[in-house]
Amino acid sequence: MGLCKLAVSVSLPDRQTQCHGTHIEDIQAKYFHLRRNCSNEYVRRKWDNKDSNKIEDIYHQISRKIVDKAKKTT
């Protein structure tokens, strides 16, 4: 993906800045390494979509946090 930070949110009343999704690169690197170094084809196929599923879940959690915080501040 090439992202360092997926989303940045700023709360205007207190000027608090939050960076979300900084650990996505670690998840991608972990599963890339596992797939690359695995010799068992069955296990490799099991890991094919695990990173994308975890990252999609993280996207959902981040967007949920941002929306909840926006609703809370207004």
N, C-alpha and C. Protein backbone atom coordinates (compact mmCIF):
# COMPACT_ATOMS: atom_id res chain seq x y z
N MET A 1 0.81 -1.18 0.00
CA MET A 1 0.00 0.00 0.00
C MET A 1 0.86 1.26 0.00
N GLY A 2 1.90 1.27 0.77
CA GLY A 2 2.80 2.40 0.76
C GLY A 2 2.37 3.55 1.65
N LEU A 3 1.49 3.30 2.58
CA LEU A 3 1.01 4.36 3.45
C LEU A 3 1.74 4.32 4.78
N CYS A 4 2.11 5.49 5.28
CA CYS A 4 2.67 5.56 6.63
C CYS A 4 1.55 5.73 7.64
N LYS A 5 0.58 6.59 7.30
CA LYS A 5 -0.57 6.83 8.15
C LYS A 5 -1.81 6.76 7.29
N LEU A 6 -2.77 5.96 7.68
CA LEU A 6 -3.99 5.81 6.90
C LEU A 6 -4.87 7.04 7.02
N ALA A 7 -5.06 7.54 8.24
CA ALA A 7 -5.94 8.68 8.45
C ALA A 7 -5.39 9.55 9.57
N VAL A 8 -5.63 10.84 9.44
CA VAL A 8 -5.26 11.79 10.47
C VAL A 8 -6.51 12.58 10.81
N SER A 9 -6.83 12.64 12.10
CA SER A 9 -8.01 13.40 12.52
C SER A 9 -7.57 14.49 13.49
N VAL A 10 -8.23 15.62 13.38
CA VAL A 10 -7.92 16.77 14.24
C VAL A 10 -9.20 17.20 14.93
N SER A 11 -9.13 17.30 16.23
CA SER A 11 -10.25 17.81 17.01
C SER A 11 -10.03 19.30 17.20
N LEU A 12 -10.91 20.11 16.64
CA LEU A 12 -10.70 21.56 16.64
C LEU A 12 -10.80 22.22 18.01
N PRO A 13 -11.72 21.84 18.90
CA PRO A 13 -11.78 22.56 20.18
C PRO A 13 -10.49 22.48 20.99
N ASP A 14 -9.88 21.31 21.05
CA ASP A 14 -8.65 21.18 21.83
C ASP A 14 -7.40 21.01 20.97
N ARG A 15 -7.57 21.06 19.64
CA ARG A 15 -6.47 20.94 18.67
C ARG A 15 -5.63 19.67 18.86
N GLN A 16 -6.30 18.60 19.18
CA GLN A 16 -5.63 17.32 19.38
C GLN A 16 -5.59 16.57 18.04
N THR A 17 -4.40 16.19 17.60
CA THR A 17 -4.22 15.47 16.35
C THR A 17 -3.96 14.00 16.64
N GLN A 18 -4.66 13.13 15.90
CA GLN A 18 -4.46 11.69 16.06
C GLN A 18 -4.14 11.08 14.72
N CYS A 19 -3.13 10.22 14.69
CA CYS A 19 -2.76 9.49 13.48
C CYS A 19 -3.22 8.04 13.64
N HIS A 20 -3.94 7.55 12.66
CA HIS A 20 -4.50 6.20 12.73
C HIS A 20 -3.88 5.33 11.64
N GLY A 21 -3.74 4.05 11.92
CA GLY A 21 -3.30 3.09 10.92
C GLY A 21 -1.81 3.03 10.70
N THR A 22 -1.04 3.36 11.71
CA THR A 22 0.42 3.34 11.54
C THR A 22 0.98 1.92 11.57
N HIS A 23 0.23 0.95 12.06
CA HIS A 23 0.74 -0.42 12.18
C HIS A 23 0.32 -1.31 11.00
N ILE A 24 -0.31 -0.75 9.99
CA ILE A 24 -0.74 -1.54 8.83
C ILE A 24 0.46 -2.10 8.07
N GLU A 25 1.49 -1.31 7.96
CA GLU A 25 2.70 -1.76 7.25
C GLU A 25 3.32 -2.98 7.92
N ASP A 26 3.25 -3.03 9.25
CA ASP A 26 3.80 -4.18 9.98
C ASP A 26 3.02 -5.46 9.66
N ILE A 27 1.70 -5.35 9.57
CA ILE A 27 0.87 -6.51 9.25
C ILE A 27 1.18 -7.01 7.85
N GLN A 28 1.29 -6.09 6.90
CA GLN A 28 1.59 -6.48 5.53
C GLN A 28 2.96 -7.14 5.44
N ALA A 29 3.94 -6.61 6.13
CA ALA A 29 5.28 -7.17 6.10
C ALA A 29 5.31 -8.56 6.73
N LYS A 30 4.55 -8.74 7.81
CA LYS A 30 4.51 -10.03 8.49
C LYS A 30 3.98 -11.12 7.56
N TYR A 31 2.86 -10.87 6.91
CA TYR A 31 2.27 -11.90 6.06
C TYR A 31 3.05 -12.07 4.75
N PHE A 32 3.68 -11.02 4.26
CA PHE A 32 4.55 -11.17 3.09
C PHE A 32 5.70 -12.11 3.42
N HIS A 33 6.29 -11.90 4.58
CA HIS A 33 7.41 -12.75 5.01
C HIS A 33 6.96 -14.20 5.20
N LEU A 34 5.80 -14.39 5.82
CA LEU A 34 5.30 -15.75 6.02
C LEU A 34 5.03 -16.46 4.70
N ARG A 35 4.38 -15.77 3.77
CA ARG A 35 4.09 -16.39 2.47
C ARG A 35 5.36 -16.67 1.68
N ARG A 36 6.31 -15.77 1.75
CA ARG A 36 7.54 -15.91 0.99
C ARG A 36 8.37 -17.09 1.48
N ASN A 37 8.41 -17.33 2.77
CA ASN A 37 9.30 -18.33 3.34
C ASN A 37 8.62 -19.67 3.63
N CYS A 38 7.37 -19.80 3.27
CA CYS A 38 6.66 -21.05 3.54
C CYS A 38 6.80 -21.99 2.36
N SER A 39 7.13 -23.23 2.63
CA SER A 39 7.28 -24.21 1.55
C SER A 39 6.01 -25.03 1.34
N ASN A 40 5.11 -25.02 2.31
CA ASN A 40 3.88 -25.79 2.22
C ASN A 40 2.82 -24.97 1.46
N GLU A 41 2.38 -25.47 0.32
CA GLU A 41 1.43 -24.73 -0.52
C GLU A 41 0.08 -24.54 0.16
N TYR A 42 -0.38 -25.53 0.92
CA TYR A 42 -1.67 -25.42 1.61
C TYR A 42 -1.64 -24.28 2.64
N VAL A 43 -0.59 -24.23 3.42
CA VAL A 43 -0.46 -23.18 4.43
C VAL A 43 -0.31 -21.82 3.77
N ARG A 44 0.42 -21.76 2.68
CA ARG A 44 0.60 -20.50 1.96
C ARG A 44 -0.74 -19.96 1.45
N ARG A 45 -1.60 -20.85 0.95
CA ARG A 45 -2.93 -20.41 0.48
C ARG A 45 -3.78 -19.91 1.63
N LYS A 46 -3.60 -20.49 2.82
CA LYS A 46 -4.36 -20.04 3.98
C LYS A 46 -3.99 -18.60 4.34
N TRP A 47 -2.75 -18.21 4.09
CA TRP A 47 -2.30 -16.86 4.45
C TRP A 47 -2.56 -15.83 3.35
N ASP A 48 -3.08 -16.27 2.21
CA ASP A 48 -3.24 -15.35 1.08
C ASP A 48 -4.10 -14.14 1.40
N ASN A 49 -5.23 -14.33 2.03
CA ASN A 49 -6.14 -13.21 2.27
C ASN A 49 -6.17 -12.75 3.72
N LYS A 50 -5.38 -13.35 4.57
CA LYS A 50 -5.43 -12.97 5.98
C LYS A 50 -5.01 -11.53 6.19
N ASP A 51 -3.97 -11.07 5.51
CA ASP A 51 -3.54 -9.69 5.71
C ASP A 51 -4.59 -8.70 5.21
N SER A 52 -5.19 -8.98 4.05
CA SER A 52 -6.20 -8.06 3.55
C SER A 52 -7.43 -8.05 4.43
N ASN A 53 -7.80 -9.20 5.00
CA ASN A 53 -8.94 -9.24 5.91
C ASN A 53 -8.66 -8.44 7.18
N LYS A 54 -7.46 -8.59 7.73
CA LYS A 54 -7.12 -7.85 8.94
C LYS A 54 -7.06 -6.35 8.66
N ILE A 55 -6.52 -5.97 7.51
CA ILE A 55 -6.42 -4.56 7.18
C ILE A 55 -7.80 -3.95 6.94
N GLU A 56 -8.70 -4.69 6.30
CA GLU A 56 -10.07 -4.19 6.12
C GLU A 56 -10.74 -3.99 7.47
N ASP A 57 -10.49 -4.88 8.41
CA ASP A 57 -11.05 -4.72 9.75
C ASP A 57 -10.49 -3.47 10.43
N ILE A 58 -9.20 -3.23 10.26
CA ILE A 58 -8.58 -2.04 10.84
C ILE A 58 -9.17 -0.78 10.21
N TYR A 59 -9.38 -0.78 8.88
CA TYR A 59 -10.02 0.36 8.22
C TYR A 59 -11.37 0.65 8.85
N HIS A 60 -12.15 -0.39 9.07
CA HIS A 60 -13.48 -0.22 9.66
C HIS A 60 -13.38 0.34 11.07
N GLN A 61 -12.46 -0.17 11.87
CA GLN A 61 -12.29 0.32 13.24
C GLN A 61 -11.87 1.78 13.26
N ILE A 62 -10.97 2.16 12.36
CA ILE A 62 -10.50 3.54 12.30
C ILE A 62 -11.63 4.48 11.91
N SER A 63 -12.35 4.12 10.87
CA SER A 63 -13.45 4.99 10.43
C SER A 63 -14.51 5.09 11.52
N ARG A 64 -14.76 4.00 12.23
CA ARG A 64 -15.74 4.01 13.32
C ARG A 64 -15.28 4.95 14.44
N LYS A 65 -14.00 4.91 14.79
CA LYS A 65 -13.47 5.79 15.83
C LYS A 65 -13.61 7.26 15.43
N ILE A 66 -13.29 7.56 14.17
CA ILE A 66 -13.37 8.95 13.70
C ILE A 66 -14.81 9.44 13.73
N VAL A 67 -15.74 8.62 13.26
CA VAL A 67 -17.15 9.02 13.25
C VAL A 67 -17.69 9.17 14.66
N ASP A 68 -17.35 8.26 15.55
CA ASP A 68 -17.81 8.35 16.95
C ASP A 68 -17.27 9.60 17.63
N LYS A 69 -16.01 9.91 17.38
CA LYS A 69 -15.42 11.10 17.98
C LYS A 69 -16.07 12.37 17.41
N ALA A 70 -16.38 12.37 16.11
CA ALA A 70 -17.03 13.53 15.51
C ALA A 70 -18.44 13.72 16.09
N LYS A 71 -19.15 12.63 16.28
CA LYS A 71 -20.49 12.74 16.87
C LYS A 71 -20.43 13.21 18.31
N LYS A 72 -19.39 12.77 19.01
CA LYS A 72 -19.24 13.13 20.42
C LYS A 72 -18.91 14.61 20.59
N THR A 73 -18.10 15.18 19.70
CA THR A 73 -17.68 16.57 19.84
C THR A 73 -18.72 17.56 19.35
N THR A 74 -19.67 17.11 18.50
CA THR A 74 -20.69 18.06 18.03
C THR A 74 -21.96 17.97 18.81
